[in-house]
N, C-alpha and C. Protein backbone atom coordinates (compact mmCIF):
# COMPACT_ATOMS: atom_id res chain seq x y z
N PRO A 1 0.83 -1.20 0.00
CA PRO A 1 0.00 0.00 0.00
C PRO A 1 0.87 1.26 0.00
N PRO A 2 0.35 2.37 -0.39
CA PRO A 2 1.14 3.62 -0.41
C PRO A 2 1.53 4.07 0.99
N ASP A 3 2.67 4.75 1.04
CA ASP A 3 3.12 5.40 2.27
C ASP A 3 3.42 6.85 1.91
N VAL A 4 2.62 7.78 2.44
CA VAL A 4 2.75 9.21 2.13
C VAL A 4 3.53 9.89 3.26
N THR A 5 4.59 10.61 2.89
CA THR A 5 5.38 11.32 3.89
C THR A 5 5.67 12.74 3.41
N SER A 6 5.92 13.60 4.38
CA SER A 6 6.31 14.98 4.10
C SER A 6 7.03 15.53 5.32
N LEU A 7 7.94 16.44 5.10
CA LEU A 7 8.61 17.10 6.21
C LEU A 7 7.73 18.19 6.81
N GLN A 8 6.71 18.58 6.09
CA GLN A 8 5.83 19.65 6.54
C GLN A 8 4.61 19.08 7.25
N THR A 9 4.32 19.59 8.43
CA THR A 9 3.08 19.25 9.12
C THR A 9 2.29 20.52 9.44
N LYS A 10 3.01 21.64 9.65
CA LYS A 10 2.37 22.93 9.92
C LYS A 10 3.28 24.02 9.39
N THR A 11 2.72 24.92 8.59
CA THR A 11 3.50 26.04 8.07
C THR A 11 2.77 27.34 8.37
N TYR A 12 3.55 28.40 8.52
CA TYR A 12 3.00 29.72 8.84
C TYR A 12 3.24 30.66 7.66
N HIS A 13 2.18 31.29 7.18
CA HIS A 13 2.29 32.19 6.04
C HIS A 13 1.33 33.35 6.17
N PHE A 14 1.58 34.38 5.35
CA PHE A 14 0.73 35.55 5.28
C PHE A 14 -0.13 35.47 4.02
N PRO A 15 -1.26 36.16 4.01
CA PRO A 15 -2.02 36.25 2.76
C PRO A 15 -1.14 36.85 1.66
N GLY A 16 -1.20 36.26 0.48
CA GLY A 16 -0.39 36.75 -0.64
C GLY A 16 0.93 36.03 -0.81
N ASP A 17 1.36 35.26 0.19
CA ASP A 17 2.62 34.50 0.07
C ASP A 17 2.48 33.42 -1.00
N SER A 18 3.60 33.00 -1.55
CA SER A 18 3.66 31.83 -2.44
C SER A 18 4.26 30.68 -1.65
N ILE A 19 3.66 29.51 -1.77
CA ILE A 19 4.17 28.36 -1.01
C ILE A 19 4.15 27.11 -1.87
N ALA A 20 4.89 26.11 -1.40
CA ALA A 20 4.93 24.81 -2.07
C ALA A 20 4.86 23.73 -0.99
N PHE A 21 3.88 22.84 -1.12
CA PHE A 21 3.76 21.69 -0.24
C PHE A 21 4.31 20.49 -1.00
N VAL A 22 5.25 19.78 -0.38
CA VAL A 22 5.91 18.65 -1.04
C VAL A 22 5.60 17.36 -0.28
N CYS A 23 5.20 16.33 -1.03
CA CYS A 23 4.96 15.00 -0.45
C CYS A 23 5.70 13.95 -1.27
N PHE A 24 6.11 12.90 -0.57
CA PHE A 24 6.74 11.74 -1.22
C PHE A 24 5.85 10.55 -0.97
N ILE A 25 5.69 9.74 -2.00
CA ILE A 25 4.84 8.56 -1.91
C ILE A 25 5.66 7.34 -2.33
N ASP A 26 5.69 6.34 -1.44
CA ASP A 26 6.31 5.05 -1.76
C ASP A 26 5.16 4.07 -1.96
N SER A 27 5.13 3.43 -3.15
CA SER A 27 4.00 2.57 -3.45
C SER A 27 4.35 1.59 -4.57
N ASN A 28 3.83 0.36 -4.41
CA ASN A 28 3.93 -0.63 -5.45
C ASN A 28 2.71 -1.54 -5.30
N PRO A 29 1.77 -1.50 -6.21
CA PRO A 29 1.74 -0.90 -7.54
C PRO A 29 1.56 0.63 -7.49
N ASP A 30 1.56 1.24 -8.70
CA ASP A 30 1.47 2.69 -8.83
C ASP A 30 0.24 3.24 -8.10
N PRO A 31 0.40 4.40 -7.46
CA PRO A 31 -0.73 4.98 -6.73
C PRO A 31 -1.50 6.01 -7.57
N ASN A 32 -2.70 6.26 -7.15
CA ASN A 32 -3.48 7.40 -7.64
C ASN A 32 -3.24 8.50 -6.60
N ILE A 33 -2.58 9.61 -6.99
CA ILE A 33 -2.19 10.67 -6.05
C ILE A 33 -3.13 11.85 -6.21
N ARG A 34 -3.61 12.38 -5.07
CA ARG A 34 -4.55 13.50 -5.07
C ARG A 34 -4.19 14.49 -3.97
N TRP A 35 -4.55 15.75 -4.20
CA TRP A 35 -4.45 16.80 -3.18
C TRP A 35 -5.86 17.23 -2.81
N PHE A 36 -6.11 17.33 -1.50
CA PHE A 36 -7.40 17.78 -1.00
C PHE A 36 -7.21 19.02 -0.14
N HIS A 37 -8.28 19.80 -0.02
CA HIS A 37 -8.29 20.96 0.86
C HIS A 37 -9.53 20.85 1.74
N THR A 38 -9.37 21.13 3.04
CA THR A 38 -10.49 21.06 3.96
C THR A 38 -10.28 22.07 5.09
N SER A 39 -11.37 22.44 5.75
CA SER A 39 -11.23 23.29 6.92
C SER A 39 -10.53 22.47 8.00
N ALA A 40 -9.91 23.14 8.95
CA ALA A 40 -9.06 22.46 9.93
C ALA A 40 -9.82 21.46 10.79
N ASN A 41 -11.10 21.69 11.04
CA ASN A 41 -11.83 20.83 11.97
C ASN A 41 -12.82 19.87 11.31
N SER A 42 -12.87 19.88 9.97
CA SER A 42 -13.90 19.08 9.33
C SER A 42 -13.39 18.42 8.05
N ASN A 43 -13.62 17.13 7.94
CA ASN A 43 -13.31 16.42 6.70
C ASN A 43 -14.56 16.33 5.82
N SER A 44 -15.70 16.79 6.33
CA SER A 44 -16.94 16.66 5.56
C SER A 44 -16.97 17.60 4.35
N ASN A 45 -16.25 18.68 4.41
CA ASN A 45 -16.24 19.65 3.31
C ASN A 45 -14.90 19.56 2.56
N ARG A 46 -14.47 18.39 2.25
CA ARG A 46 -13.18 18.13 1.60
C ARG A 46 -13.29 18.34 0.10
N LYS A 47 -12.44 19.22 -0.45
CA LYS A 47 -12.45 19.51 -1.88
C LYS A 47 -11.26 18.85 -2.55
N ASP A 48 -11.52 18.21 -3.68
CA ASP A 48 -10.48 17.54 -4.45
C ASP A 48 -9.81 18.57 -5.37
N LEU A 49 -8.65 19.04 -4.97
CA LEU A 49 -7.93 20.05 -5.76
C LEU A 49 -7.37 19.46 -7.05
N THR A 50 -7.00 18.20 -7.03
CA THR A 50 -6.43 17.56 -8.22
C THR A 50 -7.45 17.52 -9.36
N THR A 51 -8.66 17.08 -9.06
CA THR A 51 -9.71 17.03 -10.07
C THR A 51 -10.02 18.43 -10.58
N PHE A 52 -10.12 19.38 -9.67
CA PHE A 52 -10.42 20.75 -10.06
C PHE A 52 -9.31 21.33 -10.93
N TYR A 53 -8.05 21.08 -10.57
CA TYR A 53 -6.91 21.58 -11.34
C TYR A 53 -6.87 20.95 -12.74
N GLN A 54 -7.09 19.64 -12.81
CA GLN A 54 -7.06 18.96 -14.11
C GLN A 54 -8.16 19.47 -15.02
N GLY A 55 -9.29 19.88 -14.45
CA GLY A 55 -10.39 20.41 -15.24
C GLY A 55 -10.11 21.81 -15.77
N GLN A 56 -9.32 22.60 -15.04
CA GLN A 56 -9.02 23.97 -15.47
C GLN A 56 -7.84 24.05 -16.42
N HIS A 57 -6.83 23.27 -16.21
CA HIS A 57 -5.60 23.23 -17.00
C HIS A 57 -4.78 24.53 -16.91
N ASN A 58 -5.39 25.61 -16.47
CA ASN A 58 -4.67 26.89 -16.42
C ASN A 58 -5.15 27.67 -15.20
N SER A 59 -4.68 27.26 -14.02
CA SER A 59 -5.11 27.90 -12.79
C SER A 59 -4.16 29.02 -12.42
N ASN A 60 -4.71 30.16 -12.08
CA ASN A 60 -3.90 31.27 -11.58
C ASN A 60 -3.68 31.19 -10.08
N VAL A 61 -4.34 30.23 -9.44
CA VAL A 61 -4.27 30.12 -7.99
C VAL A 61 -3.23 29.09 -7.55
N TRP A 62 -3.25 27.91 -8.15
CA TRP A 62 -2.31 26.86 -7.76
C TRP A 62 -1.96 25.98 -8.95
N SER A 63 -0.94 25.16 -8.74
CA SER A 63 -0.61 24.14 -9.73
C SER A 63 -0.12 22.90 -8.98
N ILE A 64 -0.26 21.77 -9.65
CA ILE A 64 0.12 20.48 -9.06
C ILE A 64 1.09 19.80 -10.00
N VAL A 65 2.21 19.34 -9.43
CA VAL A 65 3.23 18.65 -10.22
C VAL A 65 3.43 17.27 -9.61
N GLU A 66 3.52 16.27 -10.47
CA GLU A 66 3.77 14.90 -10.04
C GLU A 66 4.98 14.38 -10.79
N GLU A 67 5.90 13.74 -10.07
CA GLU A 67 7.12 13.23 -10.70
C GLU A 67 7.42 11.83 -10.16
N LYS A 68 7.68 10.91 -11.08
CA LYS A 68 8.07 9.56 -10.66
C LYS A 68 9.59 9.54 -10.52
N LEU A 69 10.08 9.31 -9.29
CA LEU A 69 11.51 9.35 -9.01
C LEU A 69 12.20 8.03 -9.34
N ASN A 70 11.53 6.93 -9.06
CA ASN A 70 12.03 5.60 -9.44
C ASN A 70 10.83 4.66 -9.56
N ASN A 71 11.06 3.35 -9.57
CA ASN A 71 9.95 2.40 -9.79
C ASN A 71 8.89 2.43 -8.69
N THR A 72 9.26 2.83 -7.48
CA THR A 72 8.30 2.78 -6.38
C THR A 72 8.14 4.11 -5.62
N ARG A 73 8.77 5.16 -6.09
CA ARG A 73 8.73 6.43 -5.35
C ARG A 73 8.28 7.59 -6.25
N TRP A 74 7.34 8.41 -5.73
CA TRP A 74 6.82 9.58 -6.42
C TRP A 74 7.00 10.81 -5.55
N LYS A 75 7.06 11.91 -6.23
CA LYS A 75 7.10 13.22 -5.54
C LYS A 75 5.98 14.06 -6.14
N THR A 76 5.20 14.68 -5.27
CA THR A 76 4.14 15.57 -5.73
C THR A 76 4.28 16.90 -5.00
N ILE A 77 4.03 17.98 -5.74
CA ILE A 77 4.15 19.33 -5.18
C ILE A 77 2.87 20.10 -5.51
N LEU A 78 2.31 20.69 -4.47
CA LEU A 78 1.18 21.60 -4.64
C LEU A 78 1.73 23.02 -4.47
N TYR A 79 1.72 23.79 -5.55
CA TYR A 79 2.16 25.19 -5.52
C TYR A 79 0.93 26.08 -5.37
N ILE A 80 0.98 26.95 -4.39
CA ILE A 80 -0.06 27.96 -4.26
C ILE A 80 0.61 29.29 -4.54
N LYS A 81 0.14 29.95 -5.59
CA LYS A 81 0.84 31.15 -6.08
C LYS A 81 0.63 32.36 -5.19
N HIS A 82 -0.56 32.56 -4.69
CA HIS A 82 -0.87 33.67 -3.79
C HIS A 82 -1.88 33.15 -2.77
N VAL A 83 -1.44 32.94 -1.55
CA VAL A 83 -2.32 32.38 -0.53
C VAL A 83 -3.46 33.35 -0.24
N ALA A 84 -4.67 32.88 -0.45
CA ALA A 84 -5.85 33.67 -0.12
C ALA A 84 -6.12 33.54 1.38
N LYS A 85 -6.71 34.55 1.94
CA LYS A 85 -7.03 34.55 3.38
C LYS A 85 -7.88 33.34 3.75
N ARG A 86 -8.76 32.92 2.84
CA ARG A 86 -9.64 31.77 3.12
C ARG A 86 -8.87 30.45 3.25
N PHE A 87 -7.64 30.40 2.72
CA PHE A 87 -6.83 29.17 2.85
C PHE A 87 -6.10 29.08 4.18
N LEU A 88 -6.00 30.20 4.90
CA LEU A 88 -5.27 30.20 6.16
C LEU A 88 -6.06 29.47 7.24
N ASN A 89 -5.36 28.78 8.11
CA ASN A 89 -5.94 27.98 9.19
C ASN A 89 -6.82 26.86 8.65
N THR A 90 -6.34 26.24 7.57
CA THR A 90 -7.02 25.09 6.97
C THR A 90 -5.99 23.98 6.73
N GLU A 91 -6.47 22.86 6.24
CA GLU A 91 -5.61 21.69 5.99
C GLU A 91 -5.51 21.39 4.50
N PHE A 92 -4.31 21.04 4.08
CA PHE A 92 -4.07 20.51 2.74
C PHE A 92 -3.61 19.07 2.93
N ILE A 93 -4.23 18.17 2.19
CA ILE A 93 -4.00 16.74 2.39
C ILE A 93 -3.43 16.13 1.12
N CYS A 94 -2.28 15.47 1.26
CA CYS A 94 -1.70 14.69 0.19
C CYS A 94 -2.19 13.25 0.39
N TYR A 95 -2.83 12.71 -0.63
CA TYR A 95 -3.48 11.42 -0.50
C TYR A 95 -3.04 10.50 -1.64
N ALA A 96 -2.78 9.25 -1.30
CA ALA A 96 -2.40 8.26 -2.33
C ALA A 96 -3.17 6.96 -2.07
N LYS A 97 -3.58 6.31 -3.17
CA LYS A 97 -4.35 5.07 -3.06
C LYS A 97 -3.95 4.14 -4.19
N ASN A 98 -3.83 2.87 -3.87
CA ASN A 98 -3.69 1.83 -4.88
C ASN A 98 -4.58 0.65 -4.46
N LYS A 99 -4.50 -0.49 -5.18
CA LYS A 99 -5.41 -1.60 -4.88
C LYS A 99 -5.12 -2.27 -3.54
N LEU A 100 -3.95 -1.95 -2.93
CA LEU A 100 -3.60 -2.55 -1.64
C LEU A 100 -3.97 -1.68 -0.44
N GLY A 101 -4.35 -0.41 -0.70
CA GLY A 101 -4.72 0.45 0.43
C GLY A 101 -4.51 1.93 0.10
N ASP A 102 -4.56 2.74 1.13
CA ASP A 102 -4.36 4.18 0.94
C ASP A 102 -3.61 4.78 2.13
N SER A 103 -3.14 6.00 1.93
CA SER A 103 -2.41 6.72 2.97
C SER A 103 -2.54 8.21 2.68
N GLN A 104 -2.42 9.02 3.73
CA GLN A 104 -2.49 10.46 3.54
C GLN A 104 -1.61 11.18 4.55
N HIS A 105 -1.30 12.42 4.22
CA HIS A 105 -0.52 13.28 5.12
C HIS A 105 -1.14 14.68 5.07
N SER A 106 -1.47 15.22 6.26
CA SER A 106 -2.08 16.55 6.35
C SER A 106 -1.02 17.60 6.67
N ILE A 107 -1.19 18.76 6.03
CA ILE A 107 -0.32 19.90 6.29
C ILE A 107 -1.23 21.07 6.67
N HIS A 108 -1.03 21.59 7.87
CA HIS A 108 -1.84 22.70 8.35
C HIS A 108 -1.20 24.01 7.92
N LEU A 109 -1.99 24.85 7.26
CA LEU A 109 -1.53 26.16 6.82
C LEU A 109 -2.06 27.19 7.81
N ALA A 110 -1.18 27.68 8.69
CA ALA A 110 -1.58 28.63 9.73
C ALA A 110 -1.22 30.05 9.32
N GLU A 111 -1.97 30.99 9.83
CA GLU A 111 -1.70 32.40 9.54
C GLU A 111 -0.58 32.90 10.42
N ASN A 112 0.41 33.50 9.78
CA ASN A 112 1.51 34.11 10.52
C ASN A 112 1.02 35.44 11.05
N ILE A 113 1.22 35.68 12.33
CA ILE A 113 0.68 36.91 12.91
C ILE A 113 1.71 38.03 13.01
N ARG A 114 2.98 37.73 12.80
CA ARG A 114 3.99 38.78 12.88
C ARG A 114 5.03 38.58 11.80
N ARG A 115 5.26 39.61 11.03
CA ARG A 115 6.24 39.55 9.95
C ARG A 115 7.62 39.78 10.54
N LEU A 116 8.50 38.76 10.43
CA LEU A 116 9.84 38.84 11.01
C LEU A 116 10.79 39.68 10.18
N ASP A 117 10.54 39.82 8.89
CA ASP A 117 11.45 40.55 8.02
C ASP A 117 11.12 42.03 7.95
N ASN A 118 10.13 42.46 8.70
CA ASN A 118 9.72 43.86 8.66
C ASN A 118 10.17 44.54 9.95
N HIS A 119 11.29 45.22 9.88
CA HIS A 119 11.85 45.86 11.07
C HIS A 119 11.66 47.37 11.03
N VAL A 120 10.60 47.81 10.42
CA VAL A 120 10.32 49.24 10.34
C VAL A 120 9.84 49.70 11.71
N LYS A 121 10.52 50.69 12.25
CA LYS A 121 10.14 51.22 13.55
C LYS A 121 9.30 52.48 13.34
N LYS A 122 8.29 52.60 14.14
CA LYS A 122 7.46 53.79 14.07
C LYS A 122 8.08 54.85 14.98
N HIS A 123 8.23 56.04 14.45
CA HIS A 123 8.79 57.14 15.21
C HIS A 123 7.70 58.13 15.56
N ARG A 124 7.82 58.68 16.72
CA ARG A 124 6.86 59.67 17.17
C ARG A 124 7.41 61.06 16.91
N LEU A 125 6.65 61.88 16.26
CA LEU A 125 7.07 63.23 15.95
C LEU A 125 6.69 64.13 17.12
N THR A 126 7.69 64.80 17.66
CA THR A 126 7.45 65.70 18.78
C THR A 126 7.63 67.13 18.30
N THR A 127 6.61 67.93 18.50
CA THR A 127 6.67 69.34 18.11
C THR A 127 6.63 70.20 19.37
N MET A 128 6.83 71.48 19.21
CA MET A 128 6.79 72.38 20.36
C MET A 128 5.42 72.34 21.03
N SER A 129 4.36 72.15 20.26
CA SER A 129 3.03 72.10 20.88
C SER A 129 2.89 70.89 21.79
N ASN A 130 3.66 69.82 21.53
CA ASN A 130 3.65 68.66 22.43
C ASN A 130 4.36 68.99 23.74
N LEU A 131 5.29 69.92 23.68
CA LEU A 131 6.06 70.25 24.87
C LEU A 131 5.35 71.24 25.77
N LEU A 132 4.40 71.95 25.24
CA LEU A 132 3.64 72.90 26.03
C LEU A 132 2.38 72.26 26.55
N THR A 133 2.09 72.49 27.79
CA THR A 133 0.88 71.96 28.38
C THR A 133 0.10 73.10 29.00
N SER A 134 -1.15 73.18 28.69
CA SER A 134 -2.00 74.23 29.27
C SER A 134 -2.67 73.68 30.50
N LYS A 135 -2.50 74.40 31.60
CA LYS A 135 -3.12 73.96 32.84
C LYS A 135 -3.56 75.21 33.60
N GLU A 136 -4.83 75.53 33.46
CA GLU A 136 -5.43 76.69 34.12
C GLU A 136 -4.59 77.95 33.92
N SER A 137 -4.41 78.31 32.67
CA SER A 137 -3.68 79.50 32.23
C SER A 137 -2.21 79.49 32.67
N GLU A 138 -1.68 78.36 32.99
CA GLU A 138 -0.27 78.27 33.37
C GLU A 138 0.42 77.43 32.31
N TYR A 139 1.48 77.92 31.71
CA TYR A 139 2.19 77.20 30.67
C TYR A 139 3.50 76.65 31.23
N LEU A 140 3.76 75.43 30.87
CA LEU A 140 5.03 74.82 31.26
C LEU A 140 5.83 74.58 30.00
N LEU A 141 7.09 74.88 30.06
CA LEU A 141 7.96 74.65 28.92
C LEU A 141 9.09 73.73 29.33
N LEU A 142 9.31 72.67 28.57
CA LEU A 142 10.46 71.81 28.79
C LEU A 142 11.63 72.42 28.06
N LYS A 143 12.68 72.77 28.80
CA LYS A 143 13.82 73.42 28.20
C LYS A 143 15.05 72.56 28.45
N PRO A 144 15.73 72.08 27.40
CA PRO A 144 16.90 71.21 27.61
C PRO A 144 18.08 71.99 28.16
N VAL A 145 18.85 71.33 28.99
CA VAL A 145 20.10 71.89 29.53
C VAL A 145 21.14 71.82 28.42
N SER A 146 22.20 72.59 28.52
CA SER A 146 23.17 72.72 27.43
C SER A 146 23.77 71.39 26.99
N ASP A 147 23.96 70.46 27.89
CA ASP A 147 24.55 69.18 27.46
C ASP A 147 23.48 68.19 26.98
N TYR A 148 22.21 68.55 27.05
CA TYR A 148 21.07 67.74 26.59
C TYR A 148 20.94 66.39 27.29
N ASN A 149 21.65 66.23 28.40
CA ASN A 149 21.53 64.97 29.15
C ASN A 149 20.43 65.04 30.19
N ASP A 150 20.03 66.24 30.54
CA ASP A 150 19.04 66.41 31.59
C ASP A 150 17.96 67.36 31.08
N VAL A 151 16.76 67.18 31.53
CA VAL A 151 15.67 68.06 31.14
C VAL A 151 15.10 68.69 32.41
N LYS A 152 14.96 70.02 32.41
CA LYS A 152 14.39 70.72 33.56
C LYS A 152 13.08 71.35 33.15
N ILE A 153 12.16 71.43 34.06
CA ILE A 153 10.90 72.11 33.81
C ILE A 153 11.02 73.50 34.41
N ARG A 154 10.76 74.51 33.61
CA ARG A 154 10.84 75.89 34.06
C ARG A 154 9.47 76.53 33.92
N ARG A 155 9.05 77.15 34.94
CA ARG A 155 7.79 77.87 34.91
C ARG A 155 8.00 79.21 34.21
N MET A 156 7.15 79.48 33.22
CA MET A 156 7.29 80.72 32.47
C MET A 156 6.48 81.82 33.13
N ASP A 157 7.09 82.98 33.23
CA ASP A 157 6.34 84.14 33.70
C ASP A 157 5.63 84.76 32.50
N ASP A 158 4.80 85.77 32.74
CA ASP A 158 4.02 86.39 31.66
C ASP A 158 4.90 86.97 30.56
N THR A 159 6.02 87.59 30.90
CA THR A 159 6.91 88.20 29.90
C THR A 159 7.50 87.12 29.00
N SER A 160 7.98 86.03 29.57
CA SER A 160 8.56 84.93 28.79
C SER A 160 7.52 84.27 27.90
N ARG A 161 6.30 84.17 28.43
CA ARG A 161 5.23 83.54 27.67
C ARG A 161 4.92 84.37 26.42
N ARG A 162 4.84 85.73 26.56
CA ARG A 162 4.58 86.60 25.42
C ARG A 162 5.70 86.49 24.39
N LYS A 163 6.96 86.46 24.85
CA LYS A 163 8.10 86.35 23.93
C LYS A 163 8.03 85.03 23.17
N PHE A 164 7.69 83.96 23.88
CA PHE A 164 7.61 82.64 23.24
C PHE A 164 6.51 82.61 22.18
N HIS A 165 5.33 83.17 22.49
CA HIS A 165 4.22 83.19 21.53
C HIS A 165 4.54 84.04 20.33
N ASN A 166 5.33 85.08 20.50
CA ASN A 166 5.71 85.91 19.36
C ASN A 166 6.66 85.16 18.43
N ILE A 167 7.45 84.27 18.98
CA ILE A 167 8.36 83.45 18.16
C ILE A 167 7.56 82.46 17.31
N LEU A 168 6.54 81.87 17.90
CA LEU A 168 5.72 80.90 17.17
C LEU A 168 4.92 81.62 16.12
């Protein structure tokens, strides 16, 4: 009977990623190899991707490749060109059957929640209006010391306040 194996059991991806699921099948006699897609918790809504792909011949969503490596070993690859959000948190099943039995291997496609290659830091823009605080007609100004290592709060008198507003 067929023996289906894969190094993949769970993969993490973002919507729009391209992925390839690879399975190896050892079988004698030759197997009938199929790819299925199902929601993670239910086999009742299992879709045969192989039949659907063979009917389209030109899918923009995925492709399936099958290669016979030797007399008893096959390799099949399911390429998904752009992962749709609906495919995330679901199962892809590599299935093989011959007259002696069947075997399958499930690969869970999980949604990646954090992009590791995106190290863009968000910076906060601080303006003078952020440094001034109004509190019952009293203005506080943060004024840096000459070496900029320390910050002191100085209370502005009316004359300083008028000069500051004229600058703005």
